[in-house]
Protein backbone atom coordinates (compact mmCIF):
# COMPACT_ATOMS: atom_id res chain seq x y z
CA UNK A 1 0.01 0.09 0.08
CA UNK A 2 3.05 1.94 0.76
CA UNK A 3 4.76 1.55 -2.48
CA UNK A 4 1.48 2.39 -4.18
CA UNK A 5 0.90 5.84 -2.30
CA UNK A 6 4.74 6.64 -3.24
CA UNK A 7 4.23 5.88 -6.92
CA UNK A 8 0.96 8.10 -7.02
CA UNK A 9 2.91 10.94 -5.05
CA UNK A 10 5.85 10.61 -7.65
CA UNK A 11 3.19 11.05 -10.87
CA UNK A 12 1.67 13.96 -9.22
CA UNK A 13 4.75 15.81 -8.95
CA UNK A 14 5.58 14.88 -12.71
CA UNK A 15 1.92 16.27 -13.75
CA UNK A 16 2.50 19.25 -11.38
CA UNK A 17 6.01 19.95 -13.13
CA UNK A 18 4.45 19.65 -16.67
CA UNK A 19 1.66 21.99 -15.74
CA UNK A 20 4.18 24.68 -14.51
CA UNK A 21 6.12 24.64 -17.87
CA UNK A 22 3.13 25.17 -20.19
CA UNK A 23 4.74 26.31 -23.28
CA UNK A 24 3.18 29.62 -23.26
CA UNK A 25 4.78 30.44 -19.82
CA UNK A 26 8.04 28.89 -20.70
CA UNK A 27 11.15 31.42 -21.51
CA UNK A 28 11.00 32.46 -25.08
CA UNK A 29 13.61 31.64 -27.29
CA UNK A 30 15.97 34.22 -28.18
CA UNK A 31 16.63 35.62 -31.93
CA UNK A 32 20.46 35.20 -32.49
CA UNK A 33 20.76 36.13 -36.02
CA UNK A 34 18.93 38.49 -38.32
CA UNK A 35 19.55 39.74 -41.74
CA UNK A 36 17.45 42.17 -44.45
CA UNK A 37 18.65 43.41 -47.90
CA UNK A 38 16.94 45.20 -50.21
CA UNK A 39 18.51 46.37 -53.58
CA UNK A 40 17.78 46.92 -57.11
CA UNK A 41 19.11 44.07 -59.42
CA UNK A 42 20.69 46.63 -61.64
CA UNK A 43 22.82 48.41 -59.19
CA UNK A 44 24.16 45.94 -56.24
CA UNK A 45 25.66 48.62 -54.52
CA UNK A 46 22.65 50.57 -53.81
CA UNK A 47 19.60 50.26 -51.24
CA UNK A 48 20.03 48.69 -48.00
CA UNK A 49 21.55 45.66 -45.89
CA UNK A 50 21.27 45.06 -42.38
CA UNK A 51 23.13 42.32 -40.45
CA UNK A 52 23.11 41.38 -37.19
CA UNK A 53 24.74 38.37 -35.56
CA UNK A 54 25.74 36.74 -32.40
CA UNK A 55 29.78 36.30 -31.91
CA UNK A 56 31.33 33.29 -30.09
CA UNK A 57 32.44 35.68 -27.08
CA UNK A 58 28.93 37.24 -26.89
CA UNK A 59 29.17 40.23 -28.73
CA UNK A 60 26.58 41.41 -31.28
CA UNK A 61 27.96 42.27 -34.54
CA UNK A 62 26.19 44.68 -36.63
CA UNK A 63 26.57 45.49 -40.18
CA UNK A 64 24.75 48.34 -41.97
CA UNK A 65 25.34 48.74 -45.91
CA UNK A 66 23.48 51.39 -47.76
CA UNK A 67 25.50 51.32 -50.86
CA UNK A 68 29.18 51.54 -51.04
CA UNK A 69 30.83 53.38 -49.47
CA UNK A 70 28.35 54.10 -46.62
CA UNK A 71 29.05 50.87 -44.64
CA UNK A 72 29.20 50.83 -41.01
CA UNK A 73 30.68 47.77 -39.53
CA UNK A 74 30.86 47.40 -35.12
CA UNK A 75 30.43 45.57 -32.00
CA UNK A 76 27.96 46.07 -29.20
CA UNK A 77 27.38 44.43 -25.85
CA UNK A 78 23.34 44.89 -25.62
CA UNK A 79 21.50 42.09 -26.65
CA UNK A 80 18.31 43.99 -26.31
CA UNK A 81 18.58 44.79 -29.96
CA UNK A 82 17.39 41.13 -30.54
CA UNK A 83 14.44 41.38 -28.86
CA UNK A 84 13.65 44.82 -30.88
CA UNK A 85 13.92 42.73 -34.01
CA UNK A 86 11.81 39.78 -32.64
CA UNK A 87 8.95 42.23 -31.92
CA UNK A 88 9.09 43.36 -35.60
CA UNK A 89 9.01 39.54 -36.56
CA UNK A 90 6.01 39.02 -34.46
CA UNK A 91 4.08 42.23 -34.97
CA UNK A 92 3.98 41.95 -38.83
CA UNK A 93 4.09 37.94 -38.92
CA UNK A 94 7.31 37.74 -40.77
CA UNK A 95 7.69 33.83 -39.61
CA UNK A 96 4.45 33.32 -41.84
CA UNK A 97 5.54 34.98 -45.18
CA UNK A 98 6.00 32.54 -47.88
CA UNK A 99 9.56 31.43 -48.87
CA UNK A 100 9.66 32.96 -52.18
CA UNK A 101 7.29 35.87 -53.85
CA UNK A 102 7.44 36.17 -57.64
CA UNK A 103 5.73 38.47 -59.85
CA UNK A 104 2.55 37.50 -62.33
CA UNK A 105 4.71 38.76 -65.51
CA UNK A 106 8.32 39.04 -66.15
CA UNK A 107 9.86 42.51 -65.05
CA UNK A 108 13.41 43.36 -65.87
CA UNK A 109 15.71 45.49 -63.66
CA UNK A 110 13.62 45.47 -60.75
CA UNK A 111 14.12 45.47 -56.99
CA UNK A 112 15.04 41.97 -55.06
CA UNK A 113 14.49 41.82 -51.30
CA UNK A 114 15.64 38.84 -48.63
CA UNK A 115 14.99 38.29 -44.94
CA UNK A 116 16.42 35.81 -42.64
CA UNK A 117 16.55 35.20 -39.18
CA UNK A 118 17.76 32.24 -36.79
CA UNK A 119 17.01 31.27 -32.81
CA UNK A 120 19.11 29.72 -30.22
CA UNK A 121 17.64 26.21 -31.51
CA UNK A 122 18.70 26.82 -34.94
CA UNK A 123 15.19 27.26 -35.40
CA UNK A 124 15.43 29.50 -38.75
CA UNK A 125 12.95 31.35 -41.51
CA UNK A 126 14.00 33.10 -44.77
CA UNK A 127 11.75 34.77 -47.10
CA UNK A 128 12.58 36.83 -50.51
CA UNK A 129 11.21 37.61 -53.57
CA UNK A 130 11.57 39.88 -56.87
CA UNK A 131 9.49 42.75 -57.55
CA UNK A 132 6.62 40.87 -55.07
CA UNK A 133 5.96 40.87 -51.58
CA UNK A 134 3.58 40.37 -48.97
CA UNK A 135 0.98 43.01 -48.20
CA UNK A 136 2.48 44.25 -45.05
CA UNK A 137 6.14 44.14 -46.27
CA UNK A 138 6.84 47.88 -46.93
CA UNK A 139 5.39 48.58 -43.36
CA UNK A 140 7.75 46.06 -42.18
CA UNK A 141 10.72 47.44 -44.04
CA UNK A 142 9.61 51.13 -42.64
CA UNK A 143 9.88 49.54 -39.19
CA UNK A 144 13.47 47.89 -39.75
CA UNK A 145 14.90 51.34 -41.08
CA UNK A 146 13.82 52.92 -38.05
CA UNK A 147 15.52 50.56 -35.63
CA UNK A 148 18.71 51.04 -38.00
CA UNK A 149 18.79 54.65 -37.09
CA UNK A 150 19.38 53.96 -33.48
CA UNK A 151 21.98 51.77 -34.13
CA UNK A 152 23.82 54.52 -35.82
CA UNK A 153 23.97 56.09 -32.57
CA UNK A 154 25.89 53.88 -30.74
CA UNK A 155 29.39 54.62 -29.67
CA UNK A 156 31.76 52.57 -31.45
CA UNK A 157 35.39 51.88 -32.26
CA UNK A 158 36.30 52.23 -35.79
CA UNK A 159 37.11 49.35 -37.62
CA UNK A 160 40.18 49.14 -39.62
CA UNK A 161 42.54 46.71 -41.40
CA UNK A 162 45.53 45.90 -39.77
CA UNK A 163 47.05 43.36 -42.14
CA UNK A 164 46.23 42.58 -45.81
CA UNK A 165 47.67 39.76 -47.27
CA UNK A 166 47.37 38.41 -50.76
CA UNK A 167 49.01 35.30 -52.15
CA UNK A 168 48.94 33.21 -55.33
CA UNK A 169 51.08 30.19 -56.16
CA UNK A 170 50.94 27.50 -58.89
CA UNK A 171 53.15 24.33 -59.38
CA UNK A 172 54.38 26.04 -62.24
CA UNK A 173 56.37 28.80 -60.56
CA UNK A 174 53.74 31.23 -60.37
CA UNK A 175 54.48 33.25 -56.98
CA UNK A 176 52.70 36.21 -55.97
CA UNK A 177 52.61 37.87 -52.32
CA UNK A 178 51.44 41.28 -51.40
CA UNK A 179 51.24 42.16 -47.86
CA UNK A 180 50.49 45.17 -46.45
CA UNK A 181 50.86 45.89 -42.30
CA UNK A 182 49.96 48.93 -40.29
CA UNK A 183 52.50 50.50 -38.38
CA UNK A 184 52.65 53.44 -35.82
CA UNK A 185 53.88 55.99 -38.25
CA UNK A 186 54.05 54.26 -41.51
CA UNK A 187 52.70 51.14 -43.07
CA UNK A 188 55.36 48.33 -44.36
CA UNK A 189 54.50 46.81 -47.74
CA UNK A 190 56.23 43.73 -48.87
CA UNK A 191 56.04 42.68 -52.62
CA UNK A 192 57.05 39.52 -54.09
CA UNK A 193 56.25 38.90 -57.79
CA UNK A 194 58.52 36.43 -59.44
CA UNK A 195 56.95 37.53 -62.92
CA UNK A 196 58.40 40.82 -62.43
CA UNK A 197 61.53 39.38 -60.57
CA UNK A 198 60.34 41.61 -57.55
CA UNK A 199 61.12 41.00 -54.00
CA UNK A 200 61.20 43.89 -51.83
CA UNK A 201 59.65 45.95 -48.51
CA UNK A 202 59.05 49.47 -48.69
CA UNK A 203 57.35 51.97 -46.25
CA UNK A 204 54.21 53.61 -47.47
CA UNK A 205 51.36 55.66 -46.10
CA UNK A 206 48.58 53.81 -43.56
CA UNK A 207 46.21 55.65 -45.84
CA UNK A 208 46.25 52.82 -48.24
CA UNK A 209 45.13 50.69 -45.79
CA UNK A 210 41.96 52.94 -45.94
CA UNK A 211 41.66 52.29 -49.76
CA UNK A 212 41.87 48.83 -49.27
CA UNK A 213 39.18 48.68 -47.07
CA UNK A 214 37.02 50.56 -49.56
CA UNK A 215 37.66 47.56 -52.16
CA UNK A 216 37.03 44.95 -49.53
CA UNK A 217 33.61 46.87 -48.76
CA UNK A 218 32.99 47.15 -52.61
CA UNK A 219 33.74 43.84 -53.69
CA UNK A 220 32.40 42.29 -50.66
CA UNK A 221 35.12 39.67 -49.62
CA UNK A 222 33.80 37.02 -47.53
CA UNK A 223 34.94 33.70 -45.77
CA UNK A 224 32.81 31.74 -48.19
CA UNK A 225 34.91 30.35 -51.05
CA UNK A 226 37.45 27.87 -49.68
CA UNK A 227 38.13 25.97 -52.82
CA UNK A 228 41.28 24.66 -53.82
CA UNK A 229 42.23 22.28 -56.68
CA UNK A 230 44.97 19.55 -57.63
CA UNK A 231 45.23 20.60 -61.09
CA UNK A 232 48.80 21.58 -61.69
CA UNK A 233 48.17 24.31 -64.22
CA UNK A 234 45.93 26.32 -61.81
CA UNK A 235 46.74 28.94 -59.63
CA UNK A 236 45.34 29.05 -56.16
CA UNK A 237 45.28 32.14 -54.38
CA UNK A 238 44.41 33.51 -50.58
CA UNK A 239 43.01 36.20 -49.15
CA UNK A 240 43.88 36.59 -45.14
CA UNK A 241 42.79 40.39 -43.54
CA UNK A 242 43.03 41.05 -40.12
CA UNK A 243 41.04 43.74 -38.17
CA UNK A 244 41.82 45.81 -34.86
CA UNK A 245 38.56 44.51 -33.79
CA UNK A 246 39.95 40.99 -33.78
CA UNK A 247 37.79 39.56 -36.64
CA UNK A 248 39.51 38.08 -39.89
CA UNK A 249 38.38 37.14 -43.41
CA UNK A 250 40.61 34.31 -44.46
CA UNK A 251 39.56 32.35 -47.74
CA UNK A 252 41.04 30.51 -50.85
CA UNK A 253 39.94 30.15 -54.54
CA UNK A 254 41.43 29.26 -57.84
CA UNK A 255 41.55 30.16 -61.44
CA UNK A 256 43.06 28.73 -64.31
CA UNK A 257 43.46 30.89 -67.92
CA UNK A 258 42.23 34.31 -66.20
CA UNK A 259 42.28 36.59 -63.56
CA UNK A 260 39.11 36.27 -61.84
CA UNK A 261 36.64 39.30 -61.07
CA UNK A 262 37.49 38.88 -57.02
CA UNK A 263 41.24 39.25 -57.38
CA UNK A 264 41.64 41.82 -60.56
CA UNK A 265 40.80 45.10 -58.45
CA UNK A 266 43.24 44.04 -55.77
CA UNK A 267 46.36 43.18 -58.16
CA UNK A 268 45.67 46.39 -59.86
CA UNK A 269 45.99 48.13 -56.63
CA UNK A 270 49.37 46.60 -55.74
CA UNK A 271 50.58 46.76 -59.45
CA UNK A 272 51.54 50.78 -59.12
CA UNK A 273 54.80 49.26 -56.77
CA UNK A 274 55.81 46.67 -59.86
CA UNK A 275 58.69 47.86 -62.19
CA UNK A 276 57.57 48.70 -65.56
CA UNK A 277 58.88 45.96 -68.22
CA UNK A 278 59.81 45.97 -71.64
CA UNK A 279 60.33 48.90 -74.43
CA UNK A 280 58.40 51.86 -74.87
CA UNK A 281 56.02 52.03 -77.69
CA UNK A 282 54.32 54.91 -76.80
CA UNK A 283 54.54 58.31 -74.95
CA UNK A 284 51.90 61.01 -74.64
CA UNK A 285 52.77 64.25 -72.63
CA UNK A 286 50.28 67.06 -72.10
CA UNK A 287 51.32 70.39 -70.21
CA UNK A 288 48.38 73.06 -69.79
CA UNK A 289 50.39 76.21 -69.14
CA UNK A 290 47.21 78.31 -69.41
CA UNK A 291 43.69 77.76 -70.61
CA UNK A 292 44.89 78.72 -74.06
CA UNK A 293 47.84 77.39 -74.11
CA UNK A 294 48.91 73.56 -73.91
CA UNK A 295 52.38 71.81 -74.92
CA UNK A 296 51.91 68.17 -76.12
CA UNK A 297 54.40 65.54 -77.34
CA UNK A 298 53.54 62.36 -78.77
CA UNK A 299 55.52 59.34 -79.68
CA UNK A 300 54.26 56.21 -81.11
CA UNK A 301 55.66 52.72 -82.56
CA UNK A 302 54.52 52.59 -86.23
CA UNK A 303 56.04 49.04 -88.08
CA UNK A 304 59.75 49.08 -87.39
CA UNK A 305 60.37 52.59 -86.55
CA UNK A 306 58.84 55.59 -84.55
CA UNK A 307 56.87 58.94 -85.26
CA UNK A 308 57.05 61.66 -83.25
CA UNK A 309 54.57 64.63 -82.99
CA UNK A 310 54.73 68.10 -81.16
CA UNK A 311 51.93 70.76 -80.88
CA UNK A 312 51.50 74.03 -79.25
CA UNK A 313 49.25 76.77 -80.29
CA UNK A 314 48.15 75.16 -83.03
CA UNK A 315 51.98 75.00 -84.12
CA UNK A 316 52.15 71.28 -85.10
CA UNK A 317 55.43 69.37 -86.11
CA UNK A 318 55.71 65.95 -87.02
CA UNK A 319 58.88 63.71 -87.97
CA UNK A 320 60.60 60.12 -87.21
CA UNK A 321 62.57 58.98 -84.40
CA UNK A 322 65.10 56.06 -84.47
CA UNK A 323 65.22 53.05 -82.03
CA UNK A 324 68.20 54.57 -80.24
CA UNK A 325 66.78 57.80 -79.35
CA UNK A 326 63.44 56.18 -77.87
CA UNK A 327 65.76 53.97 -75.79
CA UNK A 328 67.14 57.39 -74.57
CA UNK A 329 63.88 58.80 -74.23
CA UNK A 330 62.67 55.79 -71.94
CA UNK A 331 65.43 56.39 -69.93
CA UNK A 332 64.78 59.72 -69.34
CA UNK A 333 61.47 58.96 -68.48
CA UNK A 334 62.32 56.34 -65.78
CA UNK A 335 64.84 58.86 -64.28
CA UNK A 336 61.67 61.11 -63.19
CA UNK A 337 61.23 58.50 -60.26
CA UNK A 338 57.81 58.01 -61.32
CA UNK A 339 56.33 54.98 -60.58
CA UNK A 340 52.61 53.50 -61.31
CA UNK A 341 51.51 55.45 -58.40
CA UNK A 342 47.87 56.54 -58.57
CA UNK A 343 47.94 60.38 -59.00
CA UNK A 344 45.22 62.68 -60.17
CA UNK A 345 45.84 62.50 -64.12
CA UNK A 346 42.33 62.77 -65.12
CA UNK A 347 39.59 65.11 -64.75
CA UNK A 348 40.98 68.26 -63.27
CA UNK A 349 44.77 67.39 -64.03
CA UNK A 350 46.56 70.17 -65.82
CA UNK A 351 49.67 67.97 -66.54
CA UNK A 352 49.71 64.07 -67.59
CA UNK A 353 52.44 61.48 -69.11
CA UNK A 354 51.05 58.45 -70.60
CA UNK A 355 53.86 55.37 -71.36
CA UNK A 356 52.64 52.07 -73.03
CA UNK A 357 55.43 49.26 -73.38
CA UNK A 358 55.83 46.24 -75.39
CA UNK A 359 55.12 43.90 -72.50
CA UNK A 360 51.68 45.36 -72.06
CA UNK A 361 52.58 47.36 -68.82
CA UNK A 362 50.89 50.73 -68.81
CA UNK A 363 51.96 53.97 -66.62
CA UNK A 364 49.91 57.01 -65.90
CA UNK A 365 51.31 60.21 -64.09
CA UNK A 366 49.70 63.24 -63.77
CA UNK A 367 48.49 66.21 -61.29
CA UNK A 368 47.94 69.70 -60.85
CA UNK A 369 50.77 71.81 -62.06
CA UNK A 370 49.28 74.89 -59.71
CA UNK A 371 49.27 72.58 -56.64
CA UNK A 372 52.53 72.90 -54.29
CA UNK A 373 53.12 69.25 -54.12
CA UNK A 374 53.10 69.00 -57.73
CA UNK A 375 54.67 71.97 -59.06
CA UNK A 376 58.26 70.95 -58.84
CA UNK A 377 57.68 67.69 -60.16
CA UNK A 378 55.78 68.87 -63.23
CA UNK A 379 58.09 71.95 -63.85
CA UNK A 380 61.29 69.16 -63.80
CA UNK A 381 59.43 66.73 -66.31
CA UNK A 382 58.60 69.69 -68.46
CA UNK A 383 61.87 71.23 -68.72
CA UNK A 384 63.47 67.97 -69.10
CA UNK A 385 61.08 66.89 -72.10
CA UNK A 386 61.35 70.24 -73.51
CA UNK A 387 65.33 70.11 -73.61
CA UNK A 388 65.12 66.67 -75.11
CA UNK A 389 62.70 67.30 -77.70
CA UNK A 390 64.41 70.86 -79.00
CA UNK A 391 66.92 69.24 -81.35
CA UNK A 392 63.70 67.88 -83.42
CA UNK A 393 62.13 71.01 -83.21
CA UNK A 394 64.68 73.21 -84.74
């Protein structure tokens, strides 16, 4: 009898426990990830994109991207942000939206959108569409945008690149490494490129890291590739980027017969520290003395020889140059100490010097001759080229 009473008591306790833990009264599961994206298909770097995620150390990582370069990337400790987002999900019943919305007829160049969120148990929901949406979509979008205005007011530490490294190798000897590391006064730049027979380390401005940050934002580098191949002809490249906030971007990918769109902008960035190769095949020089007076020199390879042109205030002269004199001209240009640095030679520039080589290397120099930083350089180049071409103009 006592055993029956004891068993009954245990069953009553279990039942009471179940009643006390009614699902409606249990602690609600907390949101841990939220992302929203709305952009035009013809203008990827437009529209708005918000991403809120939980890091392993408990910090909240927020990315606000409203079109390059208007991106804000930072961390906070306030987890209440997920409660605010969850209230929007519940208020607009986003968890009941269809997975996909499509227009009834084909539409080109329209708007795409997507929303995705996840809870602690990994329960998740995603929805999206192209030129079609649920009835309350725009009201929900407005509510999300209002929350974003509050996020912008969080006191944050600026996110900066401390180290940027790009490497590329294959089994046939392709060997490239570009590394830029922040320093207290100047950054350290390391360049190794077997194709250019270059292996050097130089000091450059820390501002170049800001330019790289803009490229990273523009081309949206993420840890999502990580593909390799055993193909001997393939070049495997790796990006490694370390930030002052402690996070990193690290991935590998490969290409065979072409430079992929992922790498081309970054290769171009480092190009201007590589030496020029080959023989000069074209030179174009222009110097604007006043709005009504330009001096222009032009040399171009035509067949086995070279043609030269000179123009100043309508006085036009042309003739031939032999290869030996063009070689002297090339050495003169190289003596200017100019590399492929990114000077302002377009738009409002008052002087420029363009050179092409038979190796397909191209150099572009220029600037404003009325700016103090450029005046000495511009005057030196003008004087040297005037003296060089003087015998041809007599």
